[in-house]
Amino acid sequence: MTTATERPTPSADPSADLSPHLASLEAEAIEILREVAGQFERPALLFSGGKDSVVVLELAKRAFAPAAVPFELVHVDTGHNFPEVIEFRDRVAEDPRISLHVAHVQDWIDSGAIQERPDGTRNPLQTVPLVETIQDRGYDAVLGGARRDEEKARAKERVFSVRDSFGGWNPRRQRPELWGLYNGRHQAGENIRVFPISNWTEADIWDYLRARDVEIPGIYYSHDREVFNRGGMWLTAGEWGGPAEGETVETKTVRYRTVGDMSCTGAVLSDAATIDEVIDEIRLSTTTERGATRADDKLSESSMEDRKKEGYF
């Protein structure tokens, strides 16, 4: 990461510092973001503080500069998020060009609308708060940082994905997107989920973060943390159910490939403390970041697809 005094002077060509591959991906994503701004009345951007949503926000800043980002940021906060990520999220929202709305899962639990799960994880509980927040705030399009290489159900989804009035997704109701044409038409009560970085990979994300010198939460880099092993995953201890009997808390040098609910997001043993070391590490990895570190995706063979059909992103 360069310091403010070391930061190079921007080129007249905004893509000059990018490889042709990254420049093409950036241009495609910026075009999608501008399509959303042009086709919808009240779009929002899901922002967790994770690396993918950080990249989407960076792309939005570039798409509309010097104007403010025309999307309200929305975070469905489980209450079990990593403190470092919440601190980063709030720091990002201090920018006067950005508006952030936080929907707290705890509010829905307190109202009786949803109930805590026996396993303590709250990631699957995000669906109802997300769907109701979209309805209550009148969003007609919601942008997210999902990528097709993350998980097999997400590979089925188009860039513009129609959701019904209950937030549900029908994988058979996918519109063709030939020649980069995106159809945002929808009925009253429906909304469109939009994935501007669908064609990016985890390696592309990291290459872009390095090329554009974009800050992300520190837990993506190697650090010492107290964790316990459950089913081959290194989880952080907490009030949501760990460690259980027979599980021992140990201090390990770890980093995170993805961030979410602490109860179901595992760390990987890693000494990669710099962005170059992280990039070298993931290029050698044989598993996706979610496949290796997200227990909620292992609930069933179709857990992600089932959740998407119910309204999850």
C-alpha atoms as a PDB file:
ATOM      1  CA  MET A   1       0.000   0.000   0.000  1.00  0.00           C
ATOM      2  CA  THR A   2       1.511   3.307  -1.014  1.00  0.00           C
ATOM      3  CA  THR A   3       1.251   6.316   1.287  1.00  0.00           C
ATOM      4  CA  ALA A   4      -0.412   9.557   0.311  1.00  0.00           C
ATOM      5  CA  THR A   5       2.970  11.122  -0.492  1.00  0.00           C
ATOM      6  CA  GLU A   6       4.037   8.097  -2.547  1.00  0.00           C
ATOM      7  CA  ARG A   7       0.809   7.751  -4.529  1.00  0.00           C
ATOM      8  CA  PRO A   8       1.504   8.196  -8.242  1.00  0.00           C
ATOM      9  CA  THR A   9      -0.107  11.003 -10.200  1.00  0.00           C
ATOM     10  CA  PRO A  10      -3.219   9.648 -12.003  1.00  0.00           C
ATOM     11  CA  SER A  11      -2.809   9.162 -15.719  1.00  0.00           C
ATOM     12  CA  ALA A  12      -4.997  11.059 -18.183  1.00  0.00           C
ATOM     13  CA  ASP A  13      -6.223   7.620 -19.258  1.00  0.00           C
ATOM     14  CA  PRO A  14      -8.033   6.162 -16.181  1.00  0.00           C
ATOM     15  CA  SER A  15      -7.305   2.597 -17.319  1.00  0.00           C
ATOM     16  CA  ALA A  16      -3.628   3.200 -18.082  1.00  0.00           C
ATOM     17  CA  ASP A  17      -2.455   1.504 -14.883  1.00  0.00           C
ATOM     18  CA  LEU A  18      -4.569  -1.614 -15.507  1.00  0.00           C
ATOM     19  CA  SER A  19      -3.777  -4.679 -17.560  1.00  0.00           C
ATOM     20  CA  PRO A  20      -5.955  -5.045 -20.686  1.00  0.00           C
ATOM     21  CA  HIS A  21      -7.909  -7.789 -18.891  1.00  0.00           C
ATOM     22  CA  LEU A  22      -8.650  -5.641 -15.818  1.00  0.00           C
ATOM     23  CA  ALA A  23      -9.373  -2.582 -17.962  1.00  0.00           C
ATOM     24  CA  SER A  24     -11.991  -4.604 -19.857  1.00  0.00           C
ATOM     25  CA  LEU A  25     -13.599  -5.869 -16.637  1.00  0.00           C
ATOM     26  CA  GLU A  26     -13.634  -2.358 -15.154  1.00  0.00           C
ATOM     27  CA  ALA A  27     -15.214  -0.878 -18.281  1.00  0.00           C
ATOM     28  CA  GLU A  28     -17.918  -3.580 -18.334  1.00  0.00           C
ATOM     29  CA  ALA A  29     -18.766  -3.044 -14.657  1.00  0.00           C
ATOM     30  CA  ILE A  30     -18.885   0.738 -15.008  1.00  0.00           C
ATOM     31  CA  GLU A  31     -21.235   0.382 -17.974  1.00  0.00           C
ATOM     32  CA  ILE A  32     -23.518  -1.857 -15.857  1.00  0.00           C
ATOM     33  CA  LEU A  33     -23.507   0.636 -12.973  1.00  0.00           C
ATOM     34  CA  ARG A  34     -24.446   3.470 -15.318  1.00  0.00           C
ATOM     35  CA  GLU A  35     -27.232   1.327 -16.816  1.00  0.00           C
ATOM     36  CA  VAL A  36     -28.628   0.841 -13.302  1.00  0.00           C
ATOM     37  CA  ALA A  37     -28.505   4.571 -12.588  1.00  0.00           C
ATOM     38  CA  GLY A  38     -30.282   5.251 -15.883  1.00  0.00           C
ATOM     39  CA  GLN A  39     -32.969   2.557 -15.715  1.00  0.00           C
ATOM     40  CA  PHE A  40     -34.056   2.601 -12.071  1.00  0.00           C
ATOM     41  CA  GLU A  41     -35.555   5.198  -9.746  1.00  0.00           C
ATOM     42  CA  ARG A  42     -34.227   4.007  -6.379  1.00  0.00           C
ATOM     43  CA  PRO A  43     -31.258   1.621  -6.614  1.00  0.00           C
ATOM     44  CA  ALA A  44     -29.196   0.507  -3.629  1.00  0.00           C
ATOM     45  CA  LEU A  45     -25.815  -1.176  -3.182  1.00  0.00           C
ATOM     46  CA  LEU A  46     -25.373  -4.001  -0.682  1.00  0.00           C
ATOM     47  CA  PHE A  47     -22.212  -3.205   1.255  1.00  0.00           C
ATOM     48  CA  SER A  48     -20.768  -5.544   3.873  1.00  0.00           C
ATOM     49  CA  GLY A  49     -17.259  -4.108   4.012  1.00  0.00           C
ATOM     50  CA  GLY A  50     -15.978  -7.271   2.318  1.00  0.00           C
ATOM     51  CA  LYS A  51     -13.537  -7.102  -0.581  1.00  0.00           C
ATOM     52  CA  ASP A  52     -16.114  -7.662  -3.335  1.00  0.00           C
ATOM     53  CA  SER A  53     -18.510  -4.956  -2.160  1.00  0.00           C
ATOM     54  CA  VAL A  54     -15.517  -2.653  -1.658  1.00  0.00           C
ATOM     55  CA  VAL A  55     -14.596  -3.175  -5.324  1.00  0.00           C
ATOM     56  CA  VAL A  56     -18.173  -2.462  -6.456  1.00  0.00           C
ATOM     57  CA  LEU A  57     -18.138   0.762  -4.431  1.00  0.00           C
ATOM     58  CA  GLU A  58     -14.785   1.753  -5.935  1.00  0.00           C
ATOM     59  CA  LEU A  59     -16.216   1.121  -9.415  1.00  0.00           C
ATOM     60  CA  ALA A  60     -19.282   3.224  -8.569  1.00  0.00           C
ATOM     61  CA  LYS A  61     -17.087   6.103  -7.413  1.00  0.00           C
ATOM     62  CA  ARG A  62     -15.217   5.950 -10.727  1.00  0.00           C
ATOM     63  CA  ALA A  63     -18.404   5.587 -12.763  1.00  0.00           C
ATOM     64  CA  PHE A  64     -19.961   8.792 -11.409  1.00  0.00           C
ATOM     65  CA  ALA A  65     -17.028  10.969 -10.317  1.00  0.00           C
ATOM     66  CA  PRO A  66     -16.927  13.768  -9.379  1.00  0.00           C
ATOM     67  CA  ALA A  67     -20.586  13.384  -8.336  1.00  0.00           C
ATOM     68  CA  ALA A  68     -21.699  11.439  -5.270  1.00  0.00           C
ATOM     69  CA  VAL A  69     -22.421   7.711  -5.567  1.00  0.00           C
ATOM     70  CA  PRO A  70     -26.100   7.573  -6.656  1.00  0.00           C
ATOM     71  CA  PHE A  71     -26.831   4.392  -4.696  1.00  0.00           C
ATOM     72  CA  GLU A  72     -27.636   4.173  -0.996  1.00  0.00           C
ATOM     73  CA  LEU A  73     -25.379   1.607   0.686  1.00  0.00           C
ATOM     74  CA  VAL A  74     -27.256  -1.096   2.613  1.00  0.00           C
ATOM     75  CA  HIS A  75     -25.807  -3.548   5.108  1.00  0.00           C
ATOM     76  CA  VAL A  76     -27.820  -6.360   6.707  1.00  0.00           C
ATOM     77  CA  ASP A  77     -25.879  -6.633   9.970  1.00  0.00           C
ATOM     78  CA  THR A  78     -26.201 -10.019  11.680  1.00  0.00           C
ATOM     79  CA  GLY A  79     -24.793  -8.680  14.934  1.00  0.00           C
ATOM     80  CA  HIS A  80     -22.102 -11.356  14.708  1.00  0.00           C
ATOM     81  CA  ASN A  81     -19.927  -9.589  12.169  1.00  0.00           C
ATOM     82  CA  PHE A  82     -16.198  -9.161  12.642  1.00  0.00           C
ATOM     83  CA  PRO A  83     -15.552  -5.925  14.616  1.00  0.00           C
ATOM     84  CA  GLU A  84     -12.718  -4.996  12.262  1.00  0.00           C
ATOM     85  CA  VAL A  85     -15.108  -5.127   9.294  1.00  0.00           C
ATOM     86  CA  ILE A  86     -17.805  -3.071  11.036  1.00  0.00           C
ATOM     87  CA  GLU A  87     -15.196  -0.434  11.938  1.00  0.00           C
ATOM     88  CA  PHE A  88     -14.085  -0.342   8.297  1.00  0.00           C
ATOM     89  CA  ARG A  89     -17.705  -0.093   7.074  1.00  0.00           C
ATOM     90  CA  ASP A  90     -18.428   2.844   9.352  1.00  0.00           C
ATOM     91  CA  ARG A  91     -15.230   4.595   8.312  1.00  0.00           C
ATOM     92  CA  VAL A  92     -16.206   4.259   4.646  1.00  0.00           C
ATOM     93  CA  ALA A  93     -19.625   5.741   5.438  1.00  0.00           C
ATOM     94  CA  GLU A  94     -18.022   8.873   6.902  1.00  0.00           C
ATOM     95  CA  ASP A  95     -17.477  10.049   3.319  1.00  0.00           C
ATOM     96  CA  PRO A  96     -20.105  12.790   2.759  1.00  0.00           C
ATOM     97  CA  ARG A  97     -20.690  11.460  -0.785  1.00  0.00           C
ATOM     98  CA  ILE A  98     -21.958   8.155   0.641  1.00  0.00           C
ATOM     99  CA  SER A  99     -25.211   7.272   2.433  1.00  0.00           C
ATOM    100  CA  LEU A 100     -25.428   4.068   4.508  1.00  0.00           C
ATOM    101  CA  HIS A 101     -28.497   2.278   5.868  1.00  0.00           C
ATOM    102  CA  VAL A 102     -27.981  -0.588   8.317  1.00  0.00           C
ATOM    103  CA  ALA A 103     -30.676  -3.241   8.864  1.00  0.00           C
ATOM    104  CA  HIS A 104     -30.005  -5.079  12.120  1.00  0.00           C
ATOM    105  CA  VAL A 105     -31.011  -8.757  12.198  1.00  0.00           C
ATOM    106  CA  GLN A 106     -31.376  -8.406  15.989  1.00  0.00           C
ATOM    107  CA  ASP A 107     -34.375  -6.091  15.451  1.00  0.00           C
ATOM    108  CA  TRP A 108     -36.229  -8.862  13.585  1.00  0.00           C
ATOM    109  CA  ILE A 109     -35.297 -11.386  16.285  1.00  0.00           C
ATOM    110  CA  ASP A 110     -36.556  -9.038  19.009  1.00  0.00           C
ATOM    111  CA  SER A 111     -39.853  -8.540  17.156  1.00  0.00           C
ATOM    112  CA  GLY A 112     -40.393 -12.302  16.824  1.00  0.00           C
ATOM    113  CA  ALA A 113     -40.346 -12.178  13.019  1.00  0.00           C
ATOM    114  CA  ILE A 114     -37.415 -14.619  12.935  1.00  0.00           C
ATOM    115  CA  GLN A 115     -35.876 -16.938  15.514  1.00  0.00           C
ATOM    116  CA  GLU A 116     -32.317 -17.785  16.418  1.00  0.00           C
ATOM    117  CA  ARG A 117     -31.032 -21.031  14.919  1.00  0.00           C
ATOM    118  CA  PRO A 118     -29.883 -23.882  17.198  1.00  0.00           C
ATOM    119  CA  ASP A 119     -26.414 -23.752  15.640  1.00  0.00           C
ATOM    120  CA  GLY A 120     -26.104 -20.031  16.428  1.00  0.00           C
ATOM    121  CA  THR A 121     -25.333 -18.886  12.881  1.00  0.00           C
ATOM    122  CA  ARG A 122     -27.244 -15.866  11.653  1.00  0.00           C
ATOM    123  CA  ASN A 123     -26.231 -15.778   7.992  1.00  0.00           C
ATOM    124  CA  PRO A 124     -29.384 -17.703   6.920  1.00  0.00           C
ATOM    125  CA  LEU A 125     -31.440 -15.221   8.993  1.00  0.00           C
ATOM    126  CA  GLN A 126     -30.514 -12.322   6.696  1.00  0.00           C
ATOM    127  CA  THR A 127     -33.168 -13.143   4.086  1.00  0.00           C
ATOM    128  CA  VAL A 128     -36.248 -11.709   5.825  1.00  0.00           C
ATOM    129  CA  PRO A 129     -34.527  -8.473   6.919  1.00  0.00           C
ATOM    130  CA  LEU A 130     -33.132  -8.033   3.402  1.00  0.00           C
ATOM    131  CA  VAL A 131     -36.461  -8.594   1.621  1.00  0.00           C
ATOM    132  CA  GLU A 132     -38.395  -6.374   4.037  1.00  0.00           C
ATOM    133  CA  THR A 133     -35.766  -3.622   3.888  1.00  0.00           C
ATOM    134  CA  ILE A 134     -35.993  -3.619   0.071  1.00  0.00           C
ATOM    135  CA  GLN A 135     -39.776  -3.347   0.295  1.00  0.00           C
ATOM    136  CA  ASP A 136     -39.876  -0.740   3.080  1.00  0.00           C
ATOM    137  CA  ARG A 137     -37.297   1.538   1.475  1.00  0.00           C
ATOM    138  CA  GLY A 138     -38.691   1.121  -2.025  1.00  0.00           C
ATOM    139  CA  TYR A 139     -35.552  -0.109  -3.771  1.00  0.00           C
ATOM    140  CA  ASP A 140     -36.289  -1.196  -7.326  1.00  0.00           C
ATOM    141  CA  ALA A 141     -32.747  -2.441  -7.969  1.00  0.00           C
ATOM    142  CA  VAL A 142     -30.156  -3.789  -5.557  1.00  0.00           C
ATOM    143  CA  LEU A 143     -26.510  -4.146  -6.564  1.00  0.00           C
ATOM    144  CA  GLY A 144     -24.217  -6.731  -5.033  1.00  0.00           C
ATOM    145  CA  GLY A 145     -20.686  -8.073  -5.282  1.00  0.00           C
ATOM    146  CA  ALA A 146     -21.524 -11.725  -5.995  1.00  0.00           C
ATOM    147  CA  ARG A 147     -19.330 -13.432  -8.597  1.00  0.00           C
ATOM    148  CA  ARG A 148     -20.091 -16.503 -10.702  1.00  0.00           C
ATOM    149  CA  ASP A 149     -16.939 -18.342  -9.579  1.00  0.00           C
ATOM    150  CA  GLU A 150     -17.963 -18.240  -5.908  1.00  0.00           C
ATOM    151  CA  GLU A 151     -20.676 -20.901  -5.838  1.00  0.00           C
ATOM    152  CA  LYS A 152     -22.588 -23.053  -8.332  1.00  0.00           C
ATOM    153  CA  ALA A 153     -25.994 -21.424  -7.708  1.00  0.00           C
ATOM    154  CA  ARG A 154     -24.546 -17.971  -8.364  1.00  0.00           C
ATOM    155  CA  ALA A 155     -23.144 -19.242 -11.651  1.00  0.00           C
ATOM    156  CA  LYS A 156     -26.747 -19.672 -12.850  1.00  0.00           C
ATOM    157  CA  GLU A 157     -27.672 -16.032 -12.381  1.00  0.00           C
ATOM    158  CA  ARG A 158     -27.595 -13.276 -14.987  1.00  0.00           C
ATOM    159  CA  VAL A 159     -26.157  -9.792 -14.432  1.00  0.00           C
ATOM    160  CA  PHE A 160     -29.733  -8.427 -14.172  1.00  0.00           C
ATOM    161  CA  SER A 161     -31.772 -10.940 -12.149  1.00  0.00           C
ATOM    162  CA  VAL A 162     -35.522 -10.455 -11.676  1.00  0.00           C
ATOM    163  CA  ARG A 163     -36.927 -11.105  -8.217  1.00  0.00           C
ATOM    164  CA  ASP A 164     -40.646 -11.418  -7.515  1.00  0.00           C
ATOM    165  CA  SER A 165     -42.624  -9.327  -5.028  1.00  0.00           C
ATOM    166  CA  PHE A 166     -41.524 -11.686  -2.246  1.00  0.00           C
ATOM    167  CA  GLY A 167     -37.866 -11.375  -3.223  1.00  0.00           C
ATOM    168  CA  GLY A 168     -37.818 -14.881  -4.653  1.00  0.00           C
ATOM    169  CA  TRP A 169     -35.566 -16.006  -7.499  1.00  0.00           C
ATOM    170  CA  ASN A 170     -36.657 -18.394 -10.242  1.00  0.00           C
ATOM    171  CA  PRO A 171     -33.597 -19.782 -12.077  1.00  0.00           C
ATOM    172  CA  ARG A 172     -35.807 -20.557 -15.089  1.00  0.00           C
ATOM    173  CA  ARG A 173     -36.920 -16.952 -15.327  1.00  0.00           C
ATOM    174  CA  GLN A 174     -33.609 -15.666 -16.617  1.00  0.00           C
ATOM    175  CA  ARG A 175     -33.506 -13.128 -19.424  1.00  0.00           C
ATOM    176  CA  PRO A 176     -31.005 -13.338 -22.291  1.00  0.00           C
ATOM    177  CA  GLU A 177     -28.267 -10.703 -22.122  1.00  0.00           C
ATOM    178  CA  LEU A 178     -26.938 -10.800 -25.663  1.00  0.00           C
ATOM    179  CA  TRP A 179     -24.480  -8.126 -26.824  1.00  0.00           C
ATOM    180  CA  GLY A 180     -24.284  -6.654 -23.331  1.00  0.00           C
ATOM    181  CA  LEU A 181     -27.889  -5.446 -23.363  1.00  0.00           C
ATOM    182  CA  TYR A 182     -29.540  -5.396 -19.929  1.00  0.00           C
ATOM    183  CA  ASN A 183     -33.320  -5.420 -19.499  1.00  0.00           C
ATOM    184  CA  GLY A 184     -34.408  -3.813 -16.242  1.00  0.00           C
ATOM    185  CA  ARG A 185     -38.154  -3.941 -16.861  1.00  0.00           C
ATOM    186  CA  HIS A 186     -40.130  -5.316 -13.946  1.00  0.00           C
ATOM    187  CA  GLN A 187     -43.643  -5.409 -12.544  1.00  0.00           C
ATOM    188  CA  ALA A 188     -44.792  -3.342  -9.573  1.00  0.00           C
ATOM    189  CA  GLY A 189     -43.425  -4.884  -6.390  1.00  0.00           C
ATOM    190  CA  GLU A 190     -40.639  -6.747  -8.169  1.00  0.00           C
ATOM    191  CA  ASN A 191     -37.001  -5.722  -7.998  1.00  0.00           C
ATOM    192  CA  ILE A 192     -33.869  -6.466  -9.957  1.00  0.00           C
ATOM    193  CA  ARG A 193     -30.729  -7.813  -8.328  1.00  0.00           C
ATOM    194  CA  VAL A 194     -27.668  -6.625 -10.248  1.00  0.00           C
ATOM    195  CA  PHE A 195     -24.216  -8.224 -10.243  1.00  0.00           C
ATOM    196  CA  PRO A 196     -21.725  -5.900 -11.993  1.00  0.00           C
ATOM    197  CA  ILE A 197     -18.685  -8.069 -11.205  1.00  0.00           C
ATOM    198  CA  SER A 198     -20.239 -11.388 -12.232  1.00  0.00           C
ATOM    199  CA  ASN A 199     -17.433 -12.062 -14.711  1.00  0.00           C
ATOM    200  CA  TRP A 200     -14.627 -11.373 -12.228  1.00  0.00           C
ATOM    201  CA  THR A 201     -12.709 -14.044 -10.325  1.00  0.00           C
ATOM    202  CA  GLU A 202     -11.182 -13.915  -6.861  1.00  0.00           C
ATOM    203  CA  ALA A 203      -7.792 -13.373  -8.516  1.00  0.00           C
ATOM    204  CA  ASP A 204      -9.228 -10.488 -10.567  1.00  0.00           C
ATOM    205  CA  ILE A 205     -10.523  -8.836  -7.388  1.00  0.00           C
ATOM    206  CA  TRP A 206      -7.106  -8.958  -5.762  1.00  0.00           C
ATOM    207  CA  ASP A 207      -5.317  -7.805  -8.898  1.00  0.00           C
ATOM    208  CA  TYR A 208      -7.708  -4.845  -9.086  1.00  0.00           C
ATOM    209  CA  LEU A 209      -7.269  -3.961  -5.414  1.00  0.00           C
ATOM    210  CA  ARG A 210      -3.521  -3.872  -5.992  1.00  0.00           C
ATOM    211  CA  ALA A 211      -3.702  -1.926  -9.258  1.00  0.00           C
ATOM    212  CA  ARG A 212      -6.100   0.695  -7.880  1.00  0.00           C
ATOM    213  CA  ASP A 213      -4.532   0.758  -4.391  1.00  0.00           C
ATOM    214  CA  VAL A 214      -7.905   0.169  -2.681  1.00  0.00           C
ATOM    215  CA  GLU A 215      -8.070  -0.332   1.081  1.00  0.00           C
ATOM    216  CA  ILE A 216      -9.868  -3.351   2.567  1.00  0.00           C
ATOM    217  CA  PRO A 217     -10.257  -4.630   6.155  1.00  0.00           C
ATOM    218  CA  GLY A 218      -7.039  -5.901   7.712  1.00  0.00           C
ATOM    219  CA  ILE A 219      -8.406  -9.382   8.454  1.00  0.00           C
ATOM    220  CA  TYR A 220      -7.859 -10.278   4.788  1.00  0.00           C
ATOM    221  CA  TYR A 221      -4.159 -10.309   5.636  1.00  0.00           C
ATOM    222  CA  SER A 222      -2.196 -12.585   7.970  1.00  0.00           C
ATOM    223  CA  HIS A 223      -2.609 -11.937  11.706  1.00  0.00           C
ATOM    224  CA  ASP A 224      -2.710 -13.876  14.991  1.00  0.00           C
ATOM    225  CA  ARG A 225      -6.193 -14.862  16.196  1.00  0.00           C
ATOM    226  CA  GLU A 226      -7.742 -17.154  18.798  1.00  0.00           C
ATOM    227  CA  VAL A 227      -9.664 -19.826  16.884  1.00  0.00           C
ATOM    228  CA  PHE A 228     -10.962 -23.363  17.286  1.00  0.00           C
ATOM    229  CA  ASN A 229     -11.315 -26.154  14.749  1.00  0.00           C
ATOM    230  CA  ARG A 230     -14.765 -27.434  13.774  1.00  0.00           C
ATOM    231  CA  GLY A 231     -15.184 -29.752  10.826  1.00  0.00           C
ATOM    232  CA  GLY A 232     -11.857 -28.679   9.392  1.00  0.00           C
ATOM    233  CA  MET A 233     -12.663 -24.944   9.649  1.00  0.00           C
ATOM    234  CA  TRP A 234     -10.930 -22.467  11.959  1.00  0.00           C
ATOM    235  CA  LEU A 235     -13.741 -20.470  13.603  1.00  0.00           C
ATOM    236  CA  THR A 236     -13.665 -17.580  16.060  1.00  0.00           C
ATOM    237  CA  ALA A 237     -15.034 -18.271  19.548  1.00  0.00           C
ATOM    238  CA  GLY A 238     -18.167 -16.365  20.555  1.00  0.00           C
ATOM    239  CA  GLU A 239     -21.539 -16.347  22.255  1.00  0.00           C
ATOM    240  CA  TRP A 240     -23.131 -18.031  19.217  1.00  0.00           C
ATOM    241  CA  GLY A 241     -21.952 -21.517  20.081  1.00  0.00           C
ATOM    242  CA  GLY A 242     -18.241 -22.149  20.168  1.00  0.00           C
ATOM    243  CA  PRO A 243     -16.104 -23.729  21.199  1.00  0.00           C
ATOM    244  CA  ALA A 244     -18.171 -26.776  22.123  1.00  0.00           C
ATOM    245  CA  GLU A 245     -17.044 -29.618  24.326  1.00  0.00           C
ATOM    246  CA  GLY A 246     -13.887 -31.150  22.901  1.00  0.00           C
ATOM    247  CA  GLU A 247     -13.021 -28.045  20.828  1.00  0.00           C
ATOM    248  CA  THR A 248      -9.912 -26.215  21.995  1.00  0.00           C
ATOM    249  CA  VAL A 249      -9.176 -22.540  21.450  1.00  0.00           C
ATOM    250  CA  GLU A 250      -5.732 -22.006  19.936  1.00  0.00           C
ATOM    251  CA  THR A 251      -3.796 -18.980  18.730  1.00  0.00           C
ATOM    252  CA  LYS A 252      -3.077 -19.367  15.022  1.00  0.00           C
ATOM    253  CA  THR A 253      -1.645 -17.183  12.283  1.00  0.00           C
ATOM    254  CA  VAL A 254      -4.571 -16.844   9.895  1.00  0.00           C
ATOM    255  CA  ARG A 255      -6.295 -14.628   7.371  1.00  0.00           C
ATOM    256  CA  TYR A 256      -9.798 -14.556   5.862  1.00  0.00           C
ATOM    257  CA  ARG A 257     -10.649 -15.090   2.190  1.00  0.00           C
ATOM    258  CA  THR A 258     -14.247 -13.960   2.712  1.00  0.00           C
ATOM    259  CA  VAL A 259     -16.011 -12.181   5.567  1.00  0.00           C
ATOM    260  CA  GLY A 260     -19.501 -12.730   6.936  1.00  0.00           C
ATOM    261  CA  ASP A 261     -21.128 -13.944  10.137  1.00  0.00           C
ATOM    262  CA  MET A 262     -18.323 -14.919  12.549  1.00  0.00           C
ATOM    263  CA  SER A 263     -20.185 -18.088  13.502  1.00  0.00           C
ATOM    264  CA  CYS A 264     -19.886 -19.630  10.039  1.00  0.00           C
ATOM    265  CA  THR A 265     -16.909 -17.899   8.394  1.00  0.00           C
ATOM    266  CA  GLY A 266     -13.675 -19.806   8.750  1.00  0.00           C
ATOM    267  CA  ALA A 267     -10.123 -18.507   8.598  1.00  0.00           C
ATOM    268  CA  VAL A 268      -7.313 -20.105   6.615  1.00  0.00           C
ATOM    269  CA  LEU A 269      -3.859 -20.727   8.044  1.00  0.00           C
ATOM    270  CA  SER A 270      -1.675 -18.232   6.235  1.00  0.00           C
ATOM    271  CA  ASP A 271       1.460 -16.132   6.473  1.00  0.00           C
ATOM    272  CA  ALA A 272       0.379 -13.888   3.573  1.00  0.00           C
ATOM    273  CA  ALA A 273       0.770 -10.430   5.100  1.00  0.00           C
ATOM    274  CA  THR A 274       0.961  -8.348   1.907  1.00  0.00           C
ATOM    275  CA  ILE A 275      -1.242  -8.086  -1.145  1.00  0.00           C
ATOM    276  CA  ASP A 276       1.448  -9.659  -3.336  1.00  0.00           C
ATOM    277  CA  GLU A 277       1.703 -12.620  -0.961  1.00  0.00           C
ATOM    278  CA  VAL A 278      -2.095 -13.022  -0.913  1.00  0.00           C
ATOM    279  CA  ILE A 279      -2.214 -13.033  -4.718  1.00  0.00           C
ATOM    280  CA  ASP A 280       0.528 -15.658  -4.870  1.00  0.00           C
ATOM    281  CA  GLU A 281      -1.368 -17.771  -2.324  1.00  0.00           C
ATOM    282  CA  ILE A 282      -4.758 -17.728  -4.039  1.00  0.00           C
ATOM    283  CA  ARG A 283      -3.245 -18.564  -7.425  1.00  0.00           C
ATOM    284  CA  LEU A 284      -2.056 -21.827  -5.873  1.00  0.00           C
ATOM    285  CA  SER A 285      -5.372 -22.570  -4.117  1.00  0.00           C
ATOM    286  CA  THR A 286      -7.510 -25.443  -5.385  1.00  0.00           C
ATOM    287  CA  THR A 287     -10.724 -24.366  -3.579  1.00  0.00           C
ATOM    288  CA  THR A 288     -13.008 -21.354  -3.883  1.00  0.00           C
ATOM    289  CA  GLU A 289     -13.060 -18.927  -0.981  1.00  0.00           C
ATOM    290  CA  ARG A 290     -16.637 -19.850  -0.004  1.00  0.00           C
ATOM    291  CA  GLY A 291     -16.116 -23.556  -0.512  1.00  0.00           C
ATOM    292  CA  ALA A 292     -13.196 -23.539   1.874  1.00  0.00           C
ATOM    293  CA  THR A 293     -14.422 -21.130   4.541  1.00  0.00           C
ATOM    294  CA  ARG A 294     -18.228 -20.811   4.729  1.00  0.00           C
ATOM    295  CA  ALA A 295     -20.055 -23.328   6.889  1.00  0.00           C
ATOM    296  CA  ASP A 296     -23.481 -21.939   5.887  1.00  0.00           C
ATOM    297  CA  ASP A 297     -22.882 -23.099   2.316  1.00  0.00           C
ATOM    298  CA  LYS A 298     -22.458 -26.657   3.602  1.00  0.00           C
ATOM    299  CA  LEU A 299     -25.907 -26.909   5.219  1.00  0.00           C
ATOM    300  CA  SER A 300     -27.130 -28.897   2.211  1.00  0.00           C
ATOM    301  CA  GLU A 301     -26.167 -29.577  -1.399  1.00  0.00           C
ATOM    302  CA  SER A 302     -28.552 -26.837  -2.525  1.00  0.00           C
ATOM    303  CA  SER A 303     -28.361 -24.477   0.459  1.00  0.00           C
ATOM    304  CA  MET A 304     -27.343 -21.353  -1.492  1.00  0.00           C
ATOM    305  CA  GLU A 305     -29.859 -21.949  -4.291  1.00  0.00           C
ATOM    306  CA  ASP A 306     -32.654 -22.567  -1.788  1.00  0.00           C
ATOM    307  CA  ARG A 307     -31.805 -19.347   0.055  1.00  0.00           C
ATOM    308  CA  LYS A 308     -31.711 -17.382  -3.204  1.00  0.00           C
ATOM    309  CA  LYS A 309     -35.164 -18.681  -4.127  1.00  0.00           C
ATOM    310  CA  GLU A 310     -36.390 -17.346  -0.775  1.00  0.00           C
ATOM    311  CA  GLY A 311     -34.894 -13.890  -1.368  1.00  0.00           C
ATOM    312  CA  TYR A 312     -31.258 -14.107  -0.292  1.00  0.00           C
ATOM    313  CA  PHE A 313     -28.742 -12.317  -2.450  1.00  0.00           C
END
